[in-house]
Amino acid sequence: MGVPPGEAPGEGGHASGAGRRNGVRPAGYGLVRLGGARLLPHRRAAAVAAGLTVTLAAASVAYLCFGESFVPPAEVVKVVLGQPSPDTLVVGTLRLPRLTVALLVGAAFGAAGALIQTVARNPLASPDVIGISQGASAVTVGALTFGVTSYAVLPYLSVAGGILAAALVYVFAWRGGLHAGRFVLIGIGFAIALRSVTTLFLTKGDYLVAQQAQIWMTGSLNGRGWDEAAPLGWTLALLVPGVLWAARAMRNVSLDDDTATALGVRLGRVRLGLVLIGVVLASVATGAAGPVDFVALLAPQIARRMTRTAQIPLLCSALAGAAIVVLADLAARRLLAPTELPVGVLTAAVGAPYLIWLIVRIRTAGASGGKA
């Protein structure tokens, strides 16, 4: 027995309405009491989140252990806990800041992809496909071309570029409502145009600056440290209240428009808020590490298939995104050691075939009248 439309809780959601009053517990959900509040988290989603957390912890330890020199896990734990260790320089100064950036960037891309795919109701609608990452890249590369090289400033310029690109896509896609197909197609068009603008900046800039910008555009964590982690961490911390609101709002946006409107949901405002949070998350991540392609595309779909929920799970998407970036960067550091590959090369190698498969699957499902 279920609950009325709009009242089925999502990942970590609250029971509400008739379901809460009548004590109805939807299939697959467990009851958790926190003081006077009763939560109905999805059991499978909670289990997947726990599994992803353990996987991410193990990947993080491996990330700190492996490099030009191997550091035993016991010494890694000592450094992380702030205890004296002969490996403090290698782990605490060189590897830990880069790991922190990887975790934050991956989580931001994963959450951004979940929000934007939910609003667009299309698995292709990720920030790196519909022009948001390209807008952030164009402004950042333009700033590099004109001599702005401070990593304390670039993330904020990336946010401005991402918001501007998203605003243009949103305005052009709006025709009495936000149509998912139009949103994706217009976004792809803007992505192509903004890539051309970025290329123009590269050809007009100084050779060394252009080379630096080209590496950044690939998506790289090489040389990243606390200077990049600090503004990224503070920005994401400020977005926590918005993300918590988004986790609840995503349930209503996932409903069909008629049902959501009947429940009193102001879809236009809610969708705009979700898109804005997703754009800021993706743009800040792009400013810190460059446009690490396909993380925002892959993470939400991996999380959704693992949890088997109707709605894209936000927390699991963020954890999956963080795991993808950490594992990809670890592989990028070690595959051709001592040469380090940009992390974006590894994520693109996995993401591009998935994107092709997804497009073929959507077209096949459309031709047969089914769902992708």
Protein backbone atom coordinates (compact mmCIF):
# COMPACT_ATOMS: atom_id res chain seq x y z
CA MET A 1 0.00 0.00 0.00
CA GLY A 2 1.44 3.39 -0.95
CA VAL A 3 0.81 7.01 -0.18
CA PRO A 4 -0.97 9.63 -2.26
CA PRO A 5 0.97 11.25 -5.13
CA GLY A 6 3.55 13.73 -3.94
CA GLU A 7 3.69 12.25 -0.44
CA ALA A 8 5.97 9.30 -1.04
CA PRO A 9 9.26 10.25 0.55
CA GLY A 10 12.42 10.19 -1.42
CA GLU A 11 15.90 9.38 -0.27
CA GLY A 12 16.04 10.16 3.41
CA GLY A 13 12.69 11.92 3.07
CA HIS A 14 9.97 12.56 5.62
CA ALA A 15 6.59 10.91 5.69
CA SER A 16 3.90 13.51 5.18
CA GLY A 17 0.20 14.01 4.64
CA ALA A 18 -2.11 11.03 4.85
CA GLY A 19 0.77 8.58 5.03
CA ARG A 20 2.06 10.19 8.21
CA ARG A 21 -1.36 10.62 9.79
CA ASN A 22 -2.49 7.07 9.09
CA GLY A 23 0.84 5.41 9.89
CA VAL A 24 1.18 4.05 6.35
CA ARG A 25 4.69 2.89 5.51
CA PRO A 26 5.38 2.54 1.75
CA ALA A 27 7.04 -0.67 0.62
CA GLY A 28 10.83 -0.43 0.70
CA TYR A 29 10.93 2.29 3.37
CA GLY A 30 11.94 1.95 7.01
CA LEU A 31 10.79 3.98 10.01
CA VAL A 32 13.36 6.05 11.94
CA ARG A 33 12.37 8.14 14.95
CA LEU A 34 14.41 11.24 15.76
CA GLY A 35 12.87 12.89 18.79
CA GLY A 36 9.35 13.85 17.79
CA ALA A 37 10.04 13.48 14.06
CA ARG A 38 9.54 10.31 12.07
CA LEU A 39 11.62 9.71 8.97
CA LEU A 40 11.00 7.15 6.24
CA PRO A 41 14.35 6.58 4.53
CA HIS A 42 14.42 4.26 1.56
CA ARG A 43 16.14 1.10 2.80
CA ARG A 44 17.99 0.32 -0.41
CA ALA A 45 19.07 3.94 -0.89
CA ALA A 46 20.38 4.04 2.68
CA ALA A 47 22.28 0.78 2.12
CA VAL A 48 23.74 2.06 -1.15
CA ALA A 49 24.80 5.31 0.52
CA ALA A 50 26.54 3.33 3.27
CA GLY A 51 28.26 1.11 0.69
CA LEU A 52 29.41 4.10 -1.34
CA THR A 53 30.75 5.74 1.82
CA VAL A 54 32.82 2.66 2.65
CA THR A 55 34.05 2.45 -0.95
CA LEU A 56 34.97 6.12 -0.91
CA ALA A 57 36.85 5.74 2.38
CA ALA A 58 38.84 2.78 1.01
CA ALA A 59 39.58 4.66 -2.23
CA SER A 60 40.75 7.68 -0.23
CA VAL A 61 43.15 5.58 1.84
CA ALA A 62 44.53 3.98 -1.34
CA TYR A 63 44.86 7.45 -2.88
CA LEU A 64 47.01 8.59 0.05
CA CYS A 65 49.05 5.38 0.10
CA PHE A 66 50.09 5.17 -3.56
CA GLY A 67 52.33 7.58 -5.41
CA GLU A 68 55.99 7.88 -6.31
CA SER A 69 56.60 6.32 -2.91
CA PHE A 70 54.30 3.94 -1.03
CA VAL A 71 53.09 5.01 2.41
CA PRO A 72 51.72 2.29 4.72
CA PRO A 73 48.05 2.68 5.66
CA ALA A 74 48.96 2.96 9.35
CA GLU A 75 51.11 6.03 8.63
CA VAL A 76 48.35 7.51 6.47
CA VAL A 77 45.90 7.22 9.36
CA LYS A 78 48.42 8.88 11.70
CA VAL A 79 48.83 11.84 9.38
CA VAL A 80 45.09 12.25 8.85
CA LEU A 81 44.55 12.19 12.63
CA GLY A 82 47.28 14.79 13.11
CA GLN A 83 49.74 12.48 14.84
CA PRO A 84 53.53 12.76 14.27
CA SER A 85 54.76 10.72 11.30
CA PRO A 86 57.80 10.69 9.01
CA ASP A 87 55.37 10.77 6.05
CA THR A 88 53.66 14.04 7.04
CA LEU A 89 55.21 15.92 4.11
CA VAL A 90 54.20 13.37 1.47
CA VAL A 91 50.72 12.63 2.79
CA GLY A 92 49.70 15.80 4.60
CA THR A 93 51.26 18.40 2.34
CA LEU A 94 51.23 16.82 -1.13
CA ARG A 95 48.48 14.19 -1.32
CA LEU A 96 45.82 15.14 1.22
CA PRO A 97 45.03 18.60 -0.24
CA ARG A 98 44.68 17.11 -3.73
CA LEU A 99 42.45 14.34 -2.36
CA THR A 100 40.29 16.96 -0.65
CA VAL A 101 39.83 18.82 -3.93
CA ALA A 102 38.99 15.55 -5.71
CA LEU A 103 36.35 14.66 -3.10
CA LEU A 104 34.72 18.10 -3.18
CA VAL A 105 34.82 18.40 -6.97
CA GLY A 106 33.35 14.93 -7.49
CA ALA A 107 30.59 15.46 -4.93
CA ALA A 108 29.71 18.85 -6.45
CA PHE A 109 29.54 17.46 -10.00
CA GLY A 110 27.50 14.44 -8.87
CA ALA A 111 24.95 16.56 -7.00
CA ALA A 112 24.76 19.10 -9.84
CA GLY A 113 24.06 16.36 -12.36
CA ALA A 114 21.31 14.92 -10.16
CA LEU A 115 19.58 18.29 -9.79
CA ILE A 116 19.71 19.25 -13.45
CA GLN A 117 18.68 15.81 -14.71
CA THR A 118 15.73 15.87 -12.32
CA VAL A 119 14.55 19.27 -13.54
CA ALA A 120 15.01 18.38 -17.22
CA ARG A 121 13.72 14.81 -16.75
CA ASN A 122 16.40 13.71 -19.15
CA PRO A 123 19.54 11.65 -18.39
CA LEU A 124 21.45 13.65 -21.04
CA ALA A 125 20.97 16.94 -19.20
CA SER A 126 24.26 17.17 -17.35
CA PRO A 127 26.23 20.42 -16.90
CA ASP A 128 28.97 19.33 -19.32
CA VAL A 129 26.46 18.50 -22.07
CA ILE A 130 24.08 21.48 -21.93
CA GLY A 131 26.63 24.29 -21.83
CA ILE A 132 27.03 25.12 -18.13
CA SER A 133 30.58 23.79 -17.82
CA GLN A 134 31.41 25.40 -21.18
CA GLY A 135 30.16 28.77 -19.91
CA ALA A 136 32.31 28.45 -16.80
CA SER A 137 35.25 27.41 -18.99
CA ALA A 138 34.85 30.29 -21.44
CA VAL A 139 34.91 32.92 -18.69
CA THR A 140 37.79 31.23 -16.86
CA VAL A 141 39.92 30.82 -19.99
CA GLY A 142 39.12 34.40 -20.95
CA ALA A 143 40.35 35.52 -17.53
CA LEU A 144 43.54 33.46 -17.92
CA THR A 145 44.09 35.00 -21.35
CA PHE A 146 43.90 38.49 -19.87
CA GLY A 147 46.30 37.67 -17.05
CA VAL A 148 44.05 36.59 -14.16
CA THR A 149 45.80 33.47 -12.85
CA SER A 150 44.85 33.43 -9.14
CA TYR A 151 43.11 30.19 -8.17
CA ALA A 152 41.46 32.16 -5.36
CA VAL A 153 39.58 34.20 -7.99
CA LEU A 154 38.99 31.72 -10.82
CA PRO A 155 36.29 29.65 -9.05
CA TYR A 156 34.11 32.76 -8.66
CA LEU A 157 34.59 33.73 -12.28
CA SER A 158 33.58 30.19 -13.22
CA VAL A 159 30.38 30.56 -11.21
CA ALA A 160 29.56 33.78 -13.05
CA GLY A 161 30.16 32.09 -16.41
CA GLY A 162 28.11 29.03 -15.51
CA ILE A 163 25.17 31.09 -14.26
CA LEU A 164 25.23 33.26 -17.38
CA ALA A 165 25.26 30.21 -19.67
CA ALA A 166 22.47 28.52 -17.70
CA ALA A 167 20.37 31.70 -17.77
CA LEU A 168 20.65 31.91 -21.55
CA VAL A 169 19.73 28.24 -21.98
CA TYR A 170 16.81 28.59 -19.56
CA VAL A 171 15.45 31.71 -21.29
CA PHE A 172 15.68 30.26 -24.79
CA ALA A 173 14.18 26.93 -23.67
CA TRP A 174 11.21 28.55 -21.90
CA ARG A 175 7.99 28.52 -23.93
CA GLY A 176 5.19 28.73 -21.40
CA GLY A 177 7.09 26.08 -19.44
CA LEU A 178 10.37 24.20 -19.43
CA HIS A 179 10.27 21.47 -22.07
CA ALA A 180 12.92 18.81 -21.37
CA GLY A 181 13.80 18.08 -25.01
CA ARG A 182 14.09 21.75 -25.94
CA PHE A 183 16.18 22.41 -22.82
CA VAL A 184 18.72 19.74 -23.80
CA LEU A 185 18.92 20.66 -27.49
CA ILE A 186 19.36 24.39 -26.82
CA GLY A 187 21.92 23.57 -24.15
CA ILE A 188 23.93 21.45 -26.61
CA GLY A 189 23.83 24.34 -29.09
CA PHE A 190 25.13 26.78 -26.49
CA ALA A 191 27.82 24.27 -25.46
CA ILE A 192 29.13 24.16 -29.05
CA ALA A 193 29.07 27.97 -29.34
CA LEU A 194 30.85 28.47 -26.02
CA ARG A 195 33.54 25.96 -26.96
CA SER A 196 34.19 28.13 -30.02
CA VAL A 197 34.50 31.21 -27.80
CA THR A 198 36.97 29.34 -25.59
CA THR A 199 39.01 28.31 -28.63
CA LEU A 200 39.08 31.95 -29.76
CA PHE A 201 40.51 32.99 -26.38
CA LEU A 202 43.16 30.28 -26.67
CA THR A 203 44.28 31.46 -30.12
CA LYS A 204 44.46 35.10 -29.03
CA GLY A 205 46.30 34.57 -25.77
CA ASP A 206 49.97 34.14 -24.93
CA TYR A 207 51.39 30.73 -25.82
CA LEU A 208 52.29 29.77 -22.24
CA VAL A 209 48.94 30.96 -20.91
CA ALA A 210 47.15 29.07 -23.69
CA GLN A 211 49.06 25.92 -22.79
CA GLN A 212 48.12 26.33 -19.13
CA ALA A 213 44.48 26.93 -20.07
CA GLN A 214 44.46 23.89 -22.37
CA ILE A 215 45.59 21.64 -19.52
CA TRP A 216 42.98 23.19 -17.24
CA MET A 217 40.26 22.61 -19.86
CA THR A 218 41.03 18.89 -19.91
CA GLY A 219 40.12 18.68 -16.24
CA SER A 220 43.14 18.26 -14.03
CA LEU A 221 43.97 18.03 -10.33
CA ASN A 222 47.73 18.30 -10.89
CA GLY A 223 49.21 20.82 -8.48
CA ARG A 224 45.93 21.41 -6.65
CA GLY A 225 46.25 22.14 -2.95
CA TRP A 226 44.68 23.97 -0.04
CA ASP A 227 44.50 27.22 -2.04
CA GLU A 228 41.92 25.56 -4.30
CA ALA A 229 40.31 23.39 -1.62
CA ALA A 230 39.55 26.27 0.77
CA PRO A 231 37.29 28.44 -1.45
CA LEU A 232 35.67 25.32 -2.87
CA GLY A 233 34.97 23.96 0.61
CA TRP A 234 33.59 27.25 1.92
CA THR A 235 31.33 27.67 -1.10
CA LEU A 236 29.95 24.15 -0.78
CA ALA A 237 29.42 24.68 2.97
CA LEU A 238 27.36 27.78 2.24
CA LEU A 239 25.27 25.75 -0.22
CA VAL A 240 24.38 23.04 2.33
CA PRO A 241 21.02 24.62 3.34
CA GLY A 242 20.08 24.96 -0.33
CA VAL A 243 21.08 21.36 -1.03
CA LEU A 244 18.99 20.11 1.90
CA TRP A 245 16.02 22.04 0.52
CA ALA A 246 16.73 20.65 -2.95
CA ALA A 247 16.71 17.06 -1.66
CA ARG A 248 13.11 17.57 -0.54
CA ALA A 249 12.03 19.69 -3.51
CA MET A 250 13.24 17.07 -6.00
CA ARG A 251 10.36 14.79 -4.93
CA ASN A 252 7.74 17.28 -6.11
CA VAL A 253 9.57 18.10 -9.35
CA SER A 254 9.71 14.38 -10.15
CA LEU A 255 5.89 14.29 -10.28
CA ASP A 256 4.00 15.08 -13.46
CA ASP A 257 3.10 18.78 -13.82
CA ASP A 258 -0.64 18.36 -13.25
CA THR A 259 -0.18 16.40 -10.02
CA ALA A 260 2.46 18.78 -8.67
CA THR A 261 0.31 21.83 -9.49
CA ALA A 262 -2.73 20.23 -7.83
CA LEU A 263 -0.62 19.77 -4.67
CA GLY A 264 0.16 23.50 -4.66
CA VAL A 265 3.76 23.23 -5.86
CA ARG A 266 5.04 26.31 -7.68
CA LEU A 267 6.92 24.36 -10.28
CA GLY A 268 8.50 27.33 -12.05
CA ARG A 269 10.11 28.67 -8.88
CA VAL A 270 11.14 25.25 -7.60
CA ARG A 271 12.73 24.28 -10.92
CA LEU A 272 14.56 27.60 -11.12
CA GLY A 273 15.90 27.11 -7.59
CA LEU A 274 17.09 23.58 -8.32
CA VAL A 275 18.77 24.65 -11.57
CA LEU A 276 20.48 27.58 -9.82
CA ILE A 277 21.91 25.35 -7.08
CA GLY A 278 23.06 22.81 -9.67
CA VAL A 279 24.68 25.52 -11.79
CA VAL A 280 26.60 26.96 -8.83
CA LEU A 281 27.79 23.49 -7.78
CA ALA A 282 28.98 22.61 -11.28
CA SER A 283 30.58 26.02 -11.87
CA VAL A 284 32.52 26.04 -8.59
CA ALA A 285 33.80 22.53 -9.29
CA THR A 286 34.79 23.58 -12.81
CA GLY A 287 36.67 26.58 -11.45
CA ALA A 288 38.66 24.38 -9.07
CA ALA A 289 39.60 21.51 -11.38
CA GLY A 290 38.46 22.46 -14.86
CA PRO A 291 35.58 20.78 -16.72
CA VAL A 292 36.04 17.17 -15.61
CA ASP A 293 33.79 15.70 -18.28
CA PHE A 294 31.01 13.16 -17.76
CA VAL A 295 31.15 12.95 -13.95
CA ALA A 296 27.87 14.87 -13.67
CA LEU A 297 26.42 12.63 -16.39
CA LEU A 298 27.55 9.30 -14.94
CA ALA A 299 27.14 9.72 -11.18
CA PRO A 300 23.34 10.31 -11.01
CA GLN A 301 22.60 7.41 -13.36
CA ILE A 302 24.91 5.06 -11.46
CA ALA A 303 23.22 6.09 -8.19
CA ARG A 304 19.73 5.66 -9.63
CA ARG A 305 20.45 2.20 -10.99
CA MET A 306 22.03 1.11 -7.71
CA THR A 307 19.16 2.37 -5.55
CA ARG A 308 16.38 1.49 -8.02
CA THR A 309 14.37 4.51 -6.89
CA ALA A 310 11.98 6.47 -9.10
CA GLN A 311 13.77 9.69 -8.17
CA ILE A 312 17.48 10.36 -8.66
CA PRO A 313 19.00 10.13 -5.15
CA LEU A 314 20.95 13.29 -4.36
CA LEU A 315 23.22 11.95 -1.60
CA CYS A 316 24.12 8.79 -3.52
CA SER A 317 24.83 10.88 -6.63
CA ALA A 318 27.25 13.08 -4.68
CA LEU A 319 29.00 10.04 -3.18
CA ALA A 320 29.21 8.34 -6.58
CA GLY A 321 30.65 11.50 -8.13
CA ALA A 322 33.30 11.76 -5.41
CA ALA A 323 34.23 8.08 -5.86
CA ILE A 324 34.51 8.46 -9.65
CA VAL A 325 36.86 11.45 -9.42
CA VAL A 326 39.04 9.94 -6.66
CA LEU A 327 39.43 6.59 -8.45
CA ALA A 328 39.96 8.25 -11.84
CA ASP A 329 42.64 10.57 -10.46
CA LEU A 330 44.38 7.70 -8.69
CA ALA A 331 44.47 5.82 -12.00
CA ALA A 332 45.61 8.95 -13.83
CA ARG A 333 48.53 9.33 -11.41
CA ARG A 334 49.70 5.72 -11.64
CA LEU A 335 48.91 4.36 -15.12
CA LEU A 336 51.84 6.09 -16.87
CA ALA A 337 53.92 6.95 -13.79
CA PRO A 338 55.92 9.09 -13.36
CA THR A 339 53.87 11.00 -15.97
CA GLU A 340 50.52 12.15 -14.56
CA LEU A 341 47.50 12.27 -16.85
CA PRO A 342 44.73 14.83 -16.36
CA VAL A 343 41.81 13.23 -14.52
CA GLY A 344 39.46 14.41 -17.28
CA VAL A 345 41.16 12.04 -19.73
CA LEU A 346 40.12 9.04 -17.63
CA THR A 347 36.56 10.22 -16.98
CA ALA A 348 36.10 11.00 -20.69
CA ALA A 349 37.39 7.55 -21.65
CA VAL A 350 34.60 6.00 -19.57
CA GLY A 351 31.93 8.66 -20.06
CA ALA A 352 32.02 9.04 -23.84
CA PRO A 353 31.03 5.41 -24.60
CA TYR A 354 28.33 5.65 -21.94
CA LEU A 355 26.95 8.81 -23.56
CA ILE A 356 26.78 7.07 -26.96
CA TRP A 357 25.05 4.05 -25.39
CA LEU A 358 22.59 6.33 -23.59
CA ILE A 359 21.67 8.21 -26.78
CA VAL A 360 21.12 4.93 -28.66
CA ARG A 361 19.03 3.57 -25.79
CA ILE A 362 16.85 6.69 -25.66
CA ARG A 363 16.28 6.59 -29.41
CA THR A 364 15.44 2.88 -29.30
CA ALA A 365 13.04 3.42 -26.41
CA GLY A 366 11.43 6.37 -28.22
CA ALA A 367 10.92 4.32 -31.37
CA SER A 368 9.27 1.51 -29.41
CA GLY A 369 7.19 3.88 -27.28
CA GLY A 370 8.94 2.83 -24.06
CA LYS A 371 11.00 4.66 -21.51
CA ALA A 372 14.75 5.04 -21.51
